[in-house]
Amino acid sequence: MSEASVERSLGQILGELKGIDDRLMRADDSRAVVHRRLDEVSNRLSHLEGEAETTKAKVDQMQSVTDDVVRLRSQAQGAGTAGRWLIRLGIGIVGFAGWLVGIYTWLTGRPPP
């Protein structure tokens, strides 16, 4: 084997090694991107879990109100027509008050005192 042939073979081997090294570097970069995205997804999931817990707590609080309304309606059914009308009137007054608070807040930019 001549010296030129050995140098050519070494050059080919070095070129192949550089190609392998480049592919390994790209693979490392790709894995880093995947890990970074997984971290972002993990953070989003943590925030969603916190929001789900908050929502669950709010729903649990609303459940007691719903139970009270159901109890009041069943009592109103036992009270007859006058009781049903009183419940409807009460619901109307609470709804109207909610609208008033909403309008006041919209006009002034702050909740009522």
N, C-alpha and C. Protein backbone atom coordinates (compact mmCIF):
# COMPACT_ATOMS: atom_id res chain seq x y z
N MET A 1 0.83 -1.17 0.00
CA MET A 1 0.00 0.00 0.00
C MET A 1 0.88 1.24 0.00
N SER A 2 0.55 2.19 -0.84
CA SER A 2 1.38 3.37 -0.96
C SER A 2 0.95 4.40 0.07
N GLU A 3 1.82 5.36 0.23
CA GLU A 3 1.57 6.42 1.22
C GLU A 3 0.35 7.24 0.84
N ALA A 4 0.12 7.50 -0.42
CA ALA A 4 -1.04 8.26 -0.88
C ALA A 4 -2.33 7.49 -0.59
N SER A 5 -2.29 6.18 -0.75
CA SER A 5 -3.45 5.35 -0.48
C SER A 5 -3.79 5.35 1.00
N VAL A 6 -2.78 5.31 1.85
CA VAL A 6 -2.99 5.34 3.30
C VAL A 6 -3.58 6.68 3.70
N GLU A 7 -3.04 7.75 3.14
CA GLU A 7 -3.57 9.09 3.48
C GLU A 7 -5.01 9.24 3.02
N ARG A 8 -5.30 8.71 1.84
CA ARG A 8 -6.67 8.78 1.32
C ARG A 8 -7.61 7.99 2.23
N SER A 9 -7.19 6.81 2.66
CA SER A 9 -8.01 5.99 3.56
C SER A 9 -8.21 6.69 4.89
N LEU A 10 -7.14 7.29 5.41
CA LEU A 10 -7.26 8.04 6.67
C LEU A 10 -8.20 9.23 6.50
N GLY A 11 -8.13 9.89 5.35
CA GLY A 11 -9.02 11.03 5.08
C GLY A 11 -10.47 10.58 5.03
N GLN A 12 -10.73 9.42 4.42
CA GLN A 12 -12.08 8.90 4.37
C GLN A 12 -12.59 8.55 5.77
N ILE A 13 -11.72 7.93 6.54
CA ILE A 13 -12.10 7.55 7.90
C ILE A 13 -12.38 8.80 8.74
N LEU A 14 -11.51 9.82 8.61
CA LEU A 14 -11.73 11.06 9.35
C LEU A 14 -13.02 11.75 8.91
N GLY A 15 -13.32 11.71 7.62
CA GLY A 15 -14.56 12.30 7.12
C GLY A 15 -15.77 11.58 7.68
N GLU A 16 -15.69 10.25 7.71
CA GLU A 16 -16.81 9.49 8.26
C GLU A 16 -16.98 9.77 9.75
N LEU A 17 -15.86 9.88 10.48
CA LEU A 17 -15.93 10.20 11.91
C LEU A 17 -16.55 11.58 12.14
N LYS A 18 -16.18 12.55 11.28
CA LYS A 18 -16.78 13.89 11.41
C LYS A 18 -18.28 13.83 11.15
N GLY A 19 -18.67 13.05 10.15
CA GLY A 19 -20.10 12.88 9.86
C GLY A 19 -20.84 12.26 11.04
N ILE A 20 -20.23 11.25 11.64
CA ILE A 20 -20.83 10.61 12.81
C ILE A 20 -20.92 11.61 13.95
N ASP A 21 -19.86 12.38 14.15
CA ASP A 21 -19.84 13.38 15.22
C ASP A 21 -20.94 14.43 14.99
N ASP A 22 -21.09 14.87 13.75
CA ASP A 22 -22.14 15.85 13.43
C ASP A 22 -23.53 15.29 13.74
N ARG A 23 -23.76 14.03 13.34
CA ARG A 23 -25.07 13.42 13.60
C ARG A 23 -25.32 13.28 15.10
N LEU A 24 -24.27 12.94 15.86
CA LEU A 24 -24.42 12.83 17.32
C LEU A 24 -24.74 14.19 17.94
N MET A 25 -24.11 15.25 17.43
CA MET A 25 -24.37 16.60 17.94
C MET A 25 -25.82 17.01 17.66
N ARG A 26 -26.30 16.72 16.43
CA ARG A 26 -27.69 17.04 16.08
C ARG A 26 -28.65 16.24 16.95
N ALA A 27 -28.31 14.98 17.22
CA ALA A 27 -29.17 14.14 18.06
C ALA A 27 -29.21 14.70 19.48
N ASP A 28 -28.06 15.17 19.98
CA ASP A 28 -28.03 15.78 21.32
C ASP A 28 -28.91 17.02 21.36
N ASP A 29 -28.81 17.86 20.32
CA ASP A 29 -29.63 19.07 20.25
C ASP A 29 -31.11 18.71 20.19
N SER A 30 -31.42 17.70 19.42
CA SER A 30 -32.81 17.27 19.29
C SER A 30 -33.34 16.77 20.63
N ARG A 31 -32.55 15.98 21.34
CA ARG A 31 -32.97 15.50 22.66
C ARG A 31 -33.14 16.66 23.63
N ALA A 32 -32.28 17.66 23.55
CA ALA A 32 -32.40 18.82 24.44
C ALA A 32 -33.71 19.55 24.17
N VAL A 33 -34.08 19.68 22.91
CA VAL A 33 -35.34 20.33 22.57
C VAL A 33 -36.51 19.51 23.12
N VAL A 34 -36.44 18.19 22.97
CA VAL A 34 -37.51 17.33 23.48
C VAL A 34 -37.63 17.47 25.00
N HIS A 35 -36.51 17.48 25.69
CA HIS A 35 -36.53 17.64 27.15
C HIS A 35 -37.10 19.00 27.55
N ARG A 36 -36.73 20.03 26.83
CA ARG A 36 -37.24 21.37 27.14
C ARG A 36 -38.75 21.41 26.94
N ARG A 37 -39.22 20.80 25.86
CA ARG A 37 -40.68 20.77 25.61
C ARG A 37 -41.39 19.94 26.65
N LEU A 38 -40.79 18.84 27.07
CA LEU A 38 -41.40 18.03 28.14
C LEU A 38 -41.49 18.82 29.44
N ASP A 39 -40.46 19.62 29.73
CA ASP A 39 -40.51 20.47 30.92
C ASP A 39 -41.64 21.49 30.81
N GLU A 40 -41.83 22.08 29.63
CA GLU A 40 -42.91 23.03 29.43
C GLU A 40 -44.26 22.36 29.61
N VAL A 41 -44.42 21.17 29.06
CA VAL A 41 -45.68 20.44 29.20
C VAL A 41 -45.91 20.09 30.67
N SER A 42 -44.87 19.71 31.36
CA SER A 42 -44.98 19.38 32.78
C SER A 42 -45.43 20.61 33.58
N ASN A 43 -44.86 21.76 33.27
CA ASN A 43 -45.27 22.99 33.96
C ASN A 43 -46.73 23.32 33.68
N ARG A 44 -47.14 23.19 32.42
CA ARG A 44 -48.53 23.46 32.06
C ARG A 44 -49.46 22.50 32.79
N LEU A 45 -49.07 21.24 32.86
CA LEU A 45 -49.88 20.25 33.54
C LEU A 45 -50.01 20.57 35.03
N SER A 46 -48.93 21.03 35.63
CA SER A 46 -48.98 21.42 37.04
C SER A 46 -49.96 22.57 37.24
N HIS A 47 -49.92 23.56 36.34
CA HIS A 47 -50.86 24.68 36.45
C HIS A 47 -52.29 24.21 36.26
N LEU A 48 -52.51 23.31 35.31
CA LEU A 48 -53.86 22.79 35.08
C LEU A 48 -54.37 22.00 36.27
N GLU A 49 -53.48 21.24 36.91
CA GLU A 49 -53.89 20.50 38.09
C GLU A 49 -54.30 21.46 39.21
N GLY A 50 -53.54 22.53 39.38
CA GLY A 50 -53.90 23.53 40.39
C GLY A 50 -55.23 24.19 40.09
N GLU A 51 -55.45 24.52 38.81
CA GLU A 51 -56.71 25.13 38.43
C GLU A 51 -57.86 24.15 38.61
N ALA A 52 -57.63 22.87 38.33
CA ALA A 52 -58.67 21.86 38.51
C ALA A 52 -59.03 21.73 39.99
N GLU A 53 -58.05 21.78 40.87
CA GLU A 53 -58.32 21.71 42.31
C GLU A 53 -59.13 22.93 42.76
N THR A 54 -58.78 24.10 42.25
CA THR A 54 -59.52 25.31 42.59
C THR A 54 -60.96 25.21 42.10
N THR A 55 -61.12 24.73 40.87
CA THR A 55 -62.46 24.57 40.32
C THR A 55 -63.26 23.56 41.13
N LYS A 56 -62.62 22.48 41.53
CA LYS A 56 -63.29 21.46 42.33
C LYS A 56 -63.77 22.05 43.66
N ALA A 57 -62.93 22.85 44.29
CA ALA A 57 -63.32 23.48 45.55
C ALA A 57 -64.52 24.41 45.34
N LYS A 58 -64.50 25.17 44.26
CA LYS A 58 -65.62 26.07 43.98
C LYS A 58 -66.90 25.29 43.71
N VAL A 59 -66.79 24.19 42.97
CA VAL A 59 -67.97 23.37 42.68
C VAL A 59 -68.51 22.76 43.97
N ASP A 60 -67.63 22.34 44.85
CA ASP A 60 -68.08 21.80 46.13
C ASP A 60 -68.83 22.86 46.94
N GLN A 61 -68.35 24.10 46.89
CA GLN A 61 -69.05 25.19 47.58
C GLN A 61 -70.41 25.44 46.94
N MET A 62 -70.47 25.39 45.62
CA MET A 62 -71.74 25.63 44.93
C MET A 62 -72.72 24.48 45.19
N GLN A 63 -72.21 23.29 45.44
CA GLN A 63 -73.08 22.14 45.69
C GLN A 63 -73.93 22.38 46.93
N SER A 64 -73.35 22.99 47.97
CA SER A 64 -74.14 23.25 49.18
C SER A 64 -75.26 24.24 48.88
N VAL A 65 -74.98 25.24 48.06
CA VAL A 65 -76.02 26.20 47.67
C VAL A 65 -77.12 25.51 46.87
N THR A 66 -76.71 24.64 45.95
CA THR A 66 -77.68 23.90 45.14
C THR A 66 -78.56 23.02 46.02
N ASP A 67 -77.94 22.37 46.99
CA ASP A 67 -78.72 21.54 47.91
C ASP A 67 -79.73 22.38 48.68
N ASP A 68 -79.31 23.58 49.11
CA ASP A 68 -80.22 24.46 49.83
C ASP A 68 -81.39 24.89 48.96
N VAL A 69 -81.12 25.19 47.68
CA VAL A 69 -82.19 25.60 46.76
C VAL A 69 -83.16 24.45 46.55
N VAL A 70 -82.64 23.23 46.39
CA VAL A 70 -83.51 22.07 46.22
C VAL A 70 -84.37 21.87 47.46
N ARG A 71 -83.77 22.04 48.63
CA ARG A 71 -84.52 21.90 49.88
C ARG A 71 -85.61 22.96 49.98
N LEU A 72 -85.27 24.20 49.62
CA LEU A 72 -86.26 25.28 49.65
C LEU A 72 -87.40 25.02 48.67
N ARG A 73 -87.07 24.51 47.50
CA ARG A 73 -88.12 24.22 46.52
C ARG A 73 -89.05 23.13 47.02
N SER A 74 -88.46 22.12 47.64
CA SER A 74 -89.32 21.04 48.16
C SER A 74 -90.18 21.57 49.30
N GLN A 75 -89.65 22.48 50.09
CA GLN A 75 -90.46 23.09 51.15
C GLN A 75 -91.55 23.96 50.54
N ALA A 76 -91.21 24.65 49.45
CA ALA A 76 -92.21 25.50 48.80
C ALA A 76 -93.32 24.65 48.20
N GLN A 77 -92.98 23.48 47.68
CA GLN A 77 -94.01 22.60 47.16
C GLN A 77 -94.95 22.16 48.27
N GLY A 78 -94.39 21.97 49.44
CA GLY A 78 -95.23 21.60 50.59
C GLY A 78 -96.05 22.78 51.08
N ALA A 79 -95.60 24.00 50.80
CA ALA A 79 -96.31 25.19 51.29
C ALA A 79 -97.43 25.60 50.34
N GLY A 80 -97.49 25.01 49.18
CA GLY A 80 -98.58 25.33 48.26
C GLY A 80 -98.21 26.47 47.32
N THR A 81 -99.23 27.07 46.72
CA THR A 81 -99.06 28.10 45.70
C THR A 81 -98.34 29.33 46.24
N ALA A 82 -98.70 29.77 47.43
CA ALA A 82 -98.07 30.97 48.01
C ALA A 82 -96.57 30.75 48.20
N GLY A 83 -96.20 29.58 48.67
CA GLY A 83 -94.78 29.28 48.88
C GLY A 83 -94.01 29.27 47.57
N ARG A 84 -94.60 28.68 46.54
CA ARG A 84 -93.93 28.66 45.23
C ARG A 84 -93.73 30.07 44.71
N TRP A 85 -94.74 30.92 44.85
CA TRP A 85 -94.61 32.30 44.37
C TRP A 85 -93.58 33.08 45.18
N LEU A 86 -93.51 32.80 46.47
CA LEU A 86 -92.50 33.48 47.30
C LEU A 86 -91.08 33.07 46.88
N ILE A 87 -90.90 31.79 46.57
CA ILE A 87 -89.58 31.34 46.10
C ILE A 87 -89.25 32.00 44.78
N ARG A 88 -90.20 32.04 43.86
CA ARG A 88 -89.96 32.69 42.57
C ARG A 88 -89.64 34.17 42.75
N LEU A 89 -90.37 34.81 43.64
CA LEU A 89 -90.12 36.23 43.92
C LEU A 89 -88.71 36.41 44.49
N GLY A 90 -88.32 35.53 45.41
CA GLY A 90 -86.98 35.60 46.00
C GLY A 90 -85.89 35.41 44.95
N ILE A 91 -86.10 34.44 44.06
CA ILE A 91 -85.13 34.21 42.99
C ILE A 91 -85.06 35.43 42.08
N GLY A 92 -86.21 36.03 41.78
CA GLY A 92 -86.23 37.23 40.95
C GLY A 92 -85.49 38.39 41.59
N ILE A 93 -85.70 38.57 42.90
CA ILE A 93 -85.02 39.66 43.61
C ILE A 93 -83.51 39.45 43.62
N VAL A 94 -83.09 38.21 43.88
CA VAL A 94 -81.64 37.92 43.89
C VAL A 94 -81.06 38.13 42.49
N GLY A 95 -81.77 37.70 41.46
CA GLY A 95 -81.30 37.91 40.09
C GLY A 95 -81.20 39.39 39.75
N PHE A 96 -82.22 40.16 40.14
CA PHE A 96 -82.20 41.60 39.89
C PHE A 96 -81.05 42.27 40.62
N ALA A 97 -80.81 41.85 41.87
CA ALA A 97 -79.69 42.42 42.63
C ALA A 97 -78.36 42.10 41.95
N GLY A 98 -78.25 40.88 41.42
CA GLY A 98 -77.02 40.53 40.70
C GLY A 98 -76.81 41.41 39.49
N TRP A 99 -77.89 41.67 38.74
CA TRP A 99 -77.80 42.56 37.58
C TRP A 99 -77.39 43.96 38.02
N LEU A 100 -77.96 44.44 39.12
CA LEU A 100 -77.61 45.79 39.60
C LEU A 100 -76.13 45.87 39.96
N VAL A 101 -75.64 44.84 40.65
CA VAL A 101 -74.21 44.83 41.02
C VAL A 101 -73.36 44.80 39.75
N GLY A 102 -73.75 44.01 38.77
CA GLY A 102 -73.00 43.94 37.52
C GLY A 102 -73.00 45.27 36.79
N ILE A 103 -74.13 45.93 36.72
CA ILE A 103 -74.22 47.24 36.05
C ILE A 103 -73.39 48.28 36.78
N TYR A 104 -73.48 48.28 38.13
CA TYR A 104 -72.71 49.24 38.92
C TYR A 104 -71.21 49.03 38.70
N THR A 105 -70.80 47.76 38.70
CA THR A 105 -69.39 47.45 38.50
C THR A 105 -68.94 47.84 37.10
N TRP A 106 -69.79 47.62 36.11
CA TRP A 106 -69.46 47.98 34.74
C TRP A 106 -69.34 49.50 34.58
N LEU A 107 -70.24 50.23 35.22
CA LEU A 107 -70.22 51.70 35.08
C LEU A 107 -69.05 52.34 35.85
N THR A 108 -68.80 51.85 37.06
CA THR A 108 -67.77 52.49 37.90
C THR A 108 -66.39 51.86 37.77
N GLY A 109 -66.34 50.61 37.29
CA GLY A 109 -65.05 49.93 37.17
C GLY A 109 -64.59 49.30 38.46
N ARG A 110 -65.43 49.29 39.48
CA ARG A 110 -65.09 48.67 40.76
C ARG A 110 -66.36 48.08 41.36
N PRO A 111 -66.20 47.10 42.25
CA PRO A 111 -67.39 46.51 42.85
C PRO A 111 -68.06 47.47 43.83
N PRO A 112 -69.32 47.25 44.14
CA PRO A 112 -69.99 48.15 45.06
C PRO A 112 -69.37 48.06 46.46
N PRO A 113 -69.53 49.12 47.21
CA PRO A 113 -68.94 49.13 48.57
C PRO A 113 -69.63 48.16 49.51
